[in-house]
Structures are given as C-alpha cells and as structure tokens.
C-alpha cells in the first residue's frame, strides 16, 4: 500500500503522508472549462436538413431554432474537452459530444456552418 495519498480538493492537490498533511510546491489544478468566447466550437451548428439550428454564443449561452420557431430553446452551456453540457432556461439539462468536427446532441447530428 502506498505511503502517500493524493486528492484534488477545490483545485488544489493535497498529499497525506505518514508525517501529516503537505502541500506540493506546484499545485495541481482541476481541469477548468475553456472560456467560451475563445472556444473553437462557438458558432452555428445545423442538422443536415437545417431544421435544427443550434447557435453556441461566445458569452456561454445558446439559442436553438427549430423549423420556423426561432429561439425554441435557450440556456447556458459549458464545454470541457469535447463534451458539452446544456442547462436550458426552462429547467431541463442535456449534453453532447464533438466527434471529428460533428456535434452529437440529444440524438441529433449537427454540422458546423461557417
């Protein structure tokens, strides 16, 4: 059994050794979400038939249109790596994955529109 236990707590790595609790000289920080305005996934994503138009805004908000219904869903989002989490203003949550430049979200496949 190792004599050192390391845990990440609120972004700071703590080490517990037989001699007691120590802080490393260089803290290990938990992965932080990238600032949304700088994120390469910001922009418009659409289904192949353009029925769903999903805009990831640089302020961390999204606006989704469906058919003739503009702003059908709105809320906030957060990207960590290739994973995206959504919190809709009406209270539901969803998530998705970016795979090779394609957004897989809620059973839909959306493509980047430039």
C-alpha atoms as a PDB file:
ATOM      1  CA  UNK A   1       0.000   0.000   0.000  1.00  0.00           C
ATOM      2  CA  UNK A   2       1.435   3.414  -0.922  1.00  0.00           C
ATOM      3  CA  UNK A   3       2.501   5.675   1.919  1.00  0.00           C
ATOM      4  CA  UNK A   4       1.154   8.809   0.201  1.00  0.00           C
ATOM      5  CA  UNK A   5      -2.483   9.572  -0.618  1.00  0.00           C
ATOM      6  CA  UNK A   6      -3.171  12.415  -3.048  1.00  0.00           C
ATOM      7  CA  UNK A   7      -6.577  14.022  -3.541  1.00  0.00           C
ATOM      8  CA  UNK A   8      -7.766  17.018  -5.540  1.00  0.00           C
ATOM      9  CA  UNK A   9      -9.988  19.280  -3.460  1.00  0.00           C
ATOM     10  CA  UNK A  10     -11.240  22.581  -4.837  1.00  0.00           C
ATOM     11  CA  UNK A  11      -8.475  22.609  -7.404  1.00  0.00           C
ATOM     12  CA  UNK A  12      -5.530  22.149  -5.005  1.00  0.00           C
ATOM     13  CA  UNK A  13      -3.734  18.838  -4.655  1.00  0.00           C
ATOM     14  CA  UNK A  14      -3.128  17.789  -1.051  1.00  0.00           C
ATOM     15  CA  UNK A  15      -0.787  14.983  -0.044  1.00  0.00           C
ATOM     16  CA  UNK A  16      -1.286  12.980   3.145  1.00  0.00           C
ATOM     17  CA  UNK A  17       1.896  11.228   4.242  1.00  0.00           C
ATOM     18  CA  UNK A  18       2.732   9.405   7.472  1.00  0.00           C
ATOM     19  CA  UNK A  19       4.261  12.711   8.630  1.00  0.00           C
ATOM     20  CA  UNK A  20       0.988  14.596   8.056  1.00  0.00           C
ATOM     21  CA  UNK A  21      -0.667  16.868   5.500  1.00  0.00           C
ATOM     22  CA  UNK A  22       1.597  18.635   2.999  1.00  0.00           C
ATOM     23  CA  UNK A  23       1.003  20.974   0.094  1.00  0.00           C
ATOM     24  CA  UNK A  24       3.005  20.380  -3.070  1.00  0.00           C
ATOM     25  CA  UNK A  25       5.293  23.161  -4.252  1.00  0.00           C
ATOM     26  CA  UNK A  26       3.288  23.371  -7.500  1.00  0.00           C
ATOM     27  CA  UNK A  27      -0.486  22.965  -7.063  1.00  0.00           C
ATOM     28  CA  UNK A  28      -2.256  20.569  -9.440  1.00  0.00           C
ATOM     29  CA  UNK A  29      -5.364  22.302 -10.723  1.00  0.00           C
ATOM     30  CA  UNK A  30      -8.539  20.532 -11.793  1.00  0.00           C
ATOM     31  CA  UNK A  31      -9.460  20.918 -15.480  1.00  0.00           C
ATOM     32  CA  UNK A  32     -11.224  24.232 -15.957  1.00  0.00           C
ATOM     33  CA  UNK A  33     -13.707  24.868 -18.739  1.00  0.00           C
ATOM     34  CA  UNK A  34     -12.234  26.924 -21.567  1.00  0.00           C
ATOM     35  CA  UNK A  35     -13.514  30.485 -21.736  1.00  0.00           C
ATOM     36  CA  UNK A  36     -16.495  30.152 -24.034  1.00  0.00           C
ATOM     37  CA  UNK A  37     -15.718  33.277 -26.061  1.00  0.00           C
ATOM     38  CA  UNK A  38     -12.342  31.782 -27.010  1.00  0.00           C
ATOM     39  CA  UNK A  39     -13.675  28.324 -27.758  1.00  0.00           C
ATOM     40  CA  UNK A  40     -13.389  26.954 -31.305  1.00  0.00           C
ATOM     41  CA  UNK A  41     -16.891  25.405 -31.048  1.00  0.00           C
ATOM     42  CA  UNK A  42     -18.607  28.812 -30.754  1.00  0.00           C
ATOM     43  CA  UNK A  43     -20.863  29.402 -33.750  1.00  0.00           C
ATOM     44  CA  UNK A  44     -23.780  27.901 -35.634  1.00  0.00           C
ATOM     45  CA  UNK A  45     -24.413  24.136 -35.793  1.00  0.00           C
ATOM     46  CA  UNK A  46     -27.180  22.741 -38.024  1.00  0.00           C
ATOM     47  CA  UNK A  47     -28.767  19.388 -38.818  1.00  0.00           C
ATOM     48  CA  UNK A  48     -28.411  18.098 -42.390  1.00  0.00           C
ATOM     49  CA  UNK A  49     -31.931  19.301 -43.242  1.00  0.00           C
ATOM     50  CA  UNK A  50     -31.356  22.658 -41.423  1.00  0.00           C
ATOM     51  CA  UNK A  51     -34.499  22.041 -39.347  1.00  0.00           C
ATOM     52  CA  UNK A  52     -32.466  22.430 -36.120  1.00  0.00           C
ATOM     53  CA  UNK A  53     -30.140  25.411 -35.905  1.00  0.00           C
ATOM     54  CA  UNK A  54     -28.129  25.479 -32.724  1.00  0.00           C
ATOM     55  CA  UNK A  55     -26.040  28.594 -32.040  1.00  0.00           C
ATOM     56  CA  UNK A  56     -23.338  28.475 -29.370  1.00  0.00           C
ATOM     57  CA  UNK A  57     -22.817  32.097 -28.395  1.00  0.00           C
ATOM     58  CA  UNK A  58     -19.462  33.452 -27.150  1.00  0.00           C
ATOM     59  CA  UNK A  59     -20.995  34.501 -23.812  1.00  0.00           C
ATOM     60  CA  UNK A  60     -21.673  30.875 -22.770  1.00  0.00           C
ATOM     61  CA  UNK A  61     -25.323  30.937 -23.856  1.00  0.00           C
ATOM     62  CA  UNK A  62     -27.012  29.002 -26.639  1.00  0.00           C
ATOM     63  CA  UNK A  63     -30.050  29.679 -28.813  1.00  0.00           C
ATOM     64  CA  UNK A  64     -31.724  26.859 -30.699  1.00  0.00           C
ATOM     65  CA  UNK A  65     -34.205  27.313 -33.541  1.00  0.00           C
ATOM     66  CA  UNK A  66     -36.477  24.505 -34.768  1.00  0.00           C
ATOM     67  CA  UNK A  67     -38.097  24.865 -38.165  1.00  0.00           C
ATOM     68  CA  UNK A  68     -39.978  28.180 -38.256  1.00  0.00           C
ATOM     69  CA  UNK A  69     -39.718  28.547 -34.482  1.00  0.00           C
ATOM     70  CA  UNK A  70     -36.810  30.880 -33.688  1.00  0.00           C
ATOM     71  CA  UNK A  71     -35.357  30.676 -30.155  1.00  0.00           C
ATOM     72  CA  UNK A  72     -37.277  27.478 -29.389  1.00  0.00           C
ATOM     73  CA  UNK A  73     -34.762  26.708 -26.627  1.00  0.00           C
ATOM     74  CA  UNK A  74     -32.305  28.982 -24.831  1.00  0.00           C
ATOM     75  CA  UNK A  75     -29.937  28.497 -21.970  1.00  0.00           C
ATOM     76  CA  UNK A  76     -26.318  28.249 -20.965  1.00  0.00           C
ATOM     77  CA  UNK A  77     -23.652  25.758 -21.961  1.00  0.00           C
ATOM     78  CA  UNK A  78     -20.193  24.714 -20.897  1.00  0.00           C
ATOM     79  CA  UNK A  79     -17.558  22.837 -22.906  1.00  0.00           C
ATOM     80  CA  UNK A  80     -14.901  20.624 -21.294  1.00  0.00           C
ATOM     81  CA  UNK A  81     -12.668  18.969 -23.857  1.00  0.00           C
ATOM     82  CA  UNK A  82     -15.051  17.531 -26.461  1.00  0.00           C
ATOM     83  CA  UNK A  83     -18.012  17.260 -24.071  1.00  0.00           C
ATOM     84  CA  UNK A  84     -20.742  19.908 -23.865  1.00  0.00           C
ATOM     85  CA  UNK A  85     -23.314  20.343 -21.081  1.00  0.00           C
ATOM     86  CA  UNK A  86     -26.508  22.380 -21.515  1.00  0.00           C
ATOM     87  CA  UNK A  87     -28.787  23.954 -18.923  1.00  0.00           C
ATOM     88  CA  UNK A  88     -31.965  25.193 -20.593  1.00  0.00           C
ATOM     89  CA  UNK A  89     -33.751  28.236 -19.156  1.00  0.00           C
ATOM     90  CA  UNK A  90     -36.896  26.098 -18.694  1.00  0.00           C
ATOM     91  CA  UNK A  91     -35.021  23.722 -16.379  1.00  0.00           C
ATOM     92  CA  UNK A  92     -34.042  20.667 -18.403  1.00  0.00           C
ATOM     93  CA  UNK A  93     -30.465  19.582 -18.980  1.00  0.00           C
ATOM     94  CA  UNK A  94     -28.763  17.859 -21.891  1.00  0.00           C
ATOM     95  CA  UNK A  95     -25.304  17.044 -23.112  1.00  0.00           C
ATOM     96  CA  UNK A  96     -23.401  16.168 -26.248  1.00  0.00           C
ATOM     97  CA  UNK A  97     -20.042  15.253 -27.737  1.00  0.00           C
ATOM     98  CA  UNK A  98     -17.985  16.780 -30.515  1.00  0.00           C
ATOM     99  CA  UNK A  99     -16.563  13.933 -32.617  1.00  0.00           C
ATOM    100  CA  UNK A 100     -14.331  14.740 -35.597  1.00  0.00           C
ATOM    101  CA  UNK A 101     -15.940  18.145 -36.169  1.00  0.00           C
ATOM    102  CA  UNK A 102     -19.527  16.931 -35.734  1.00  0.00           C
ATOM    103  CA  UNK A 103     -21.792  17.659 -32.743  1.00  0.00           C
ATOM    104  CA  UNK A 104     -23.767  14.673 -31.429  1.00  0.00           C
ATOM    105  CA  UNK A 105     -26.525  16.085 -29.208  1.00  0.00           C
ATOM    106  CA  UNK A 106     -29.805  14.576 -27.977  1.00  0.00           C
ATOM    107  CA  UNK A 107     -29.961  12.001 -30.775  1.00  0.00           C
ATOM    108  CA  UNK A 108     -29.205  14.610 -33.430  1.00  0.00           C
ATOM    109  CA  UNK A 109     -26.134  15.141 -35.580  1.00  0.00           C
ATOM    110  CA  UNK A 110     -25.252  18.768 -36.187  1.00  0.00           C
ATOM    111  CA  UNK A 111     -22.629  20.147 -38.556  1.00  0.00           C
ATOM    112  CA  UNK A 112     -20.677  23.360 -38.223  1.00  0.00           C
ATOM    113  CA  UNK A 113     -21.925  26.105 -40.541  1.00  0.00           C
ATOM    114  CA  UNK A 114     -19.276  28.660 -41.405  1.00  0.00           C
END
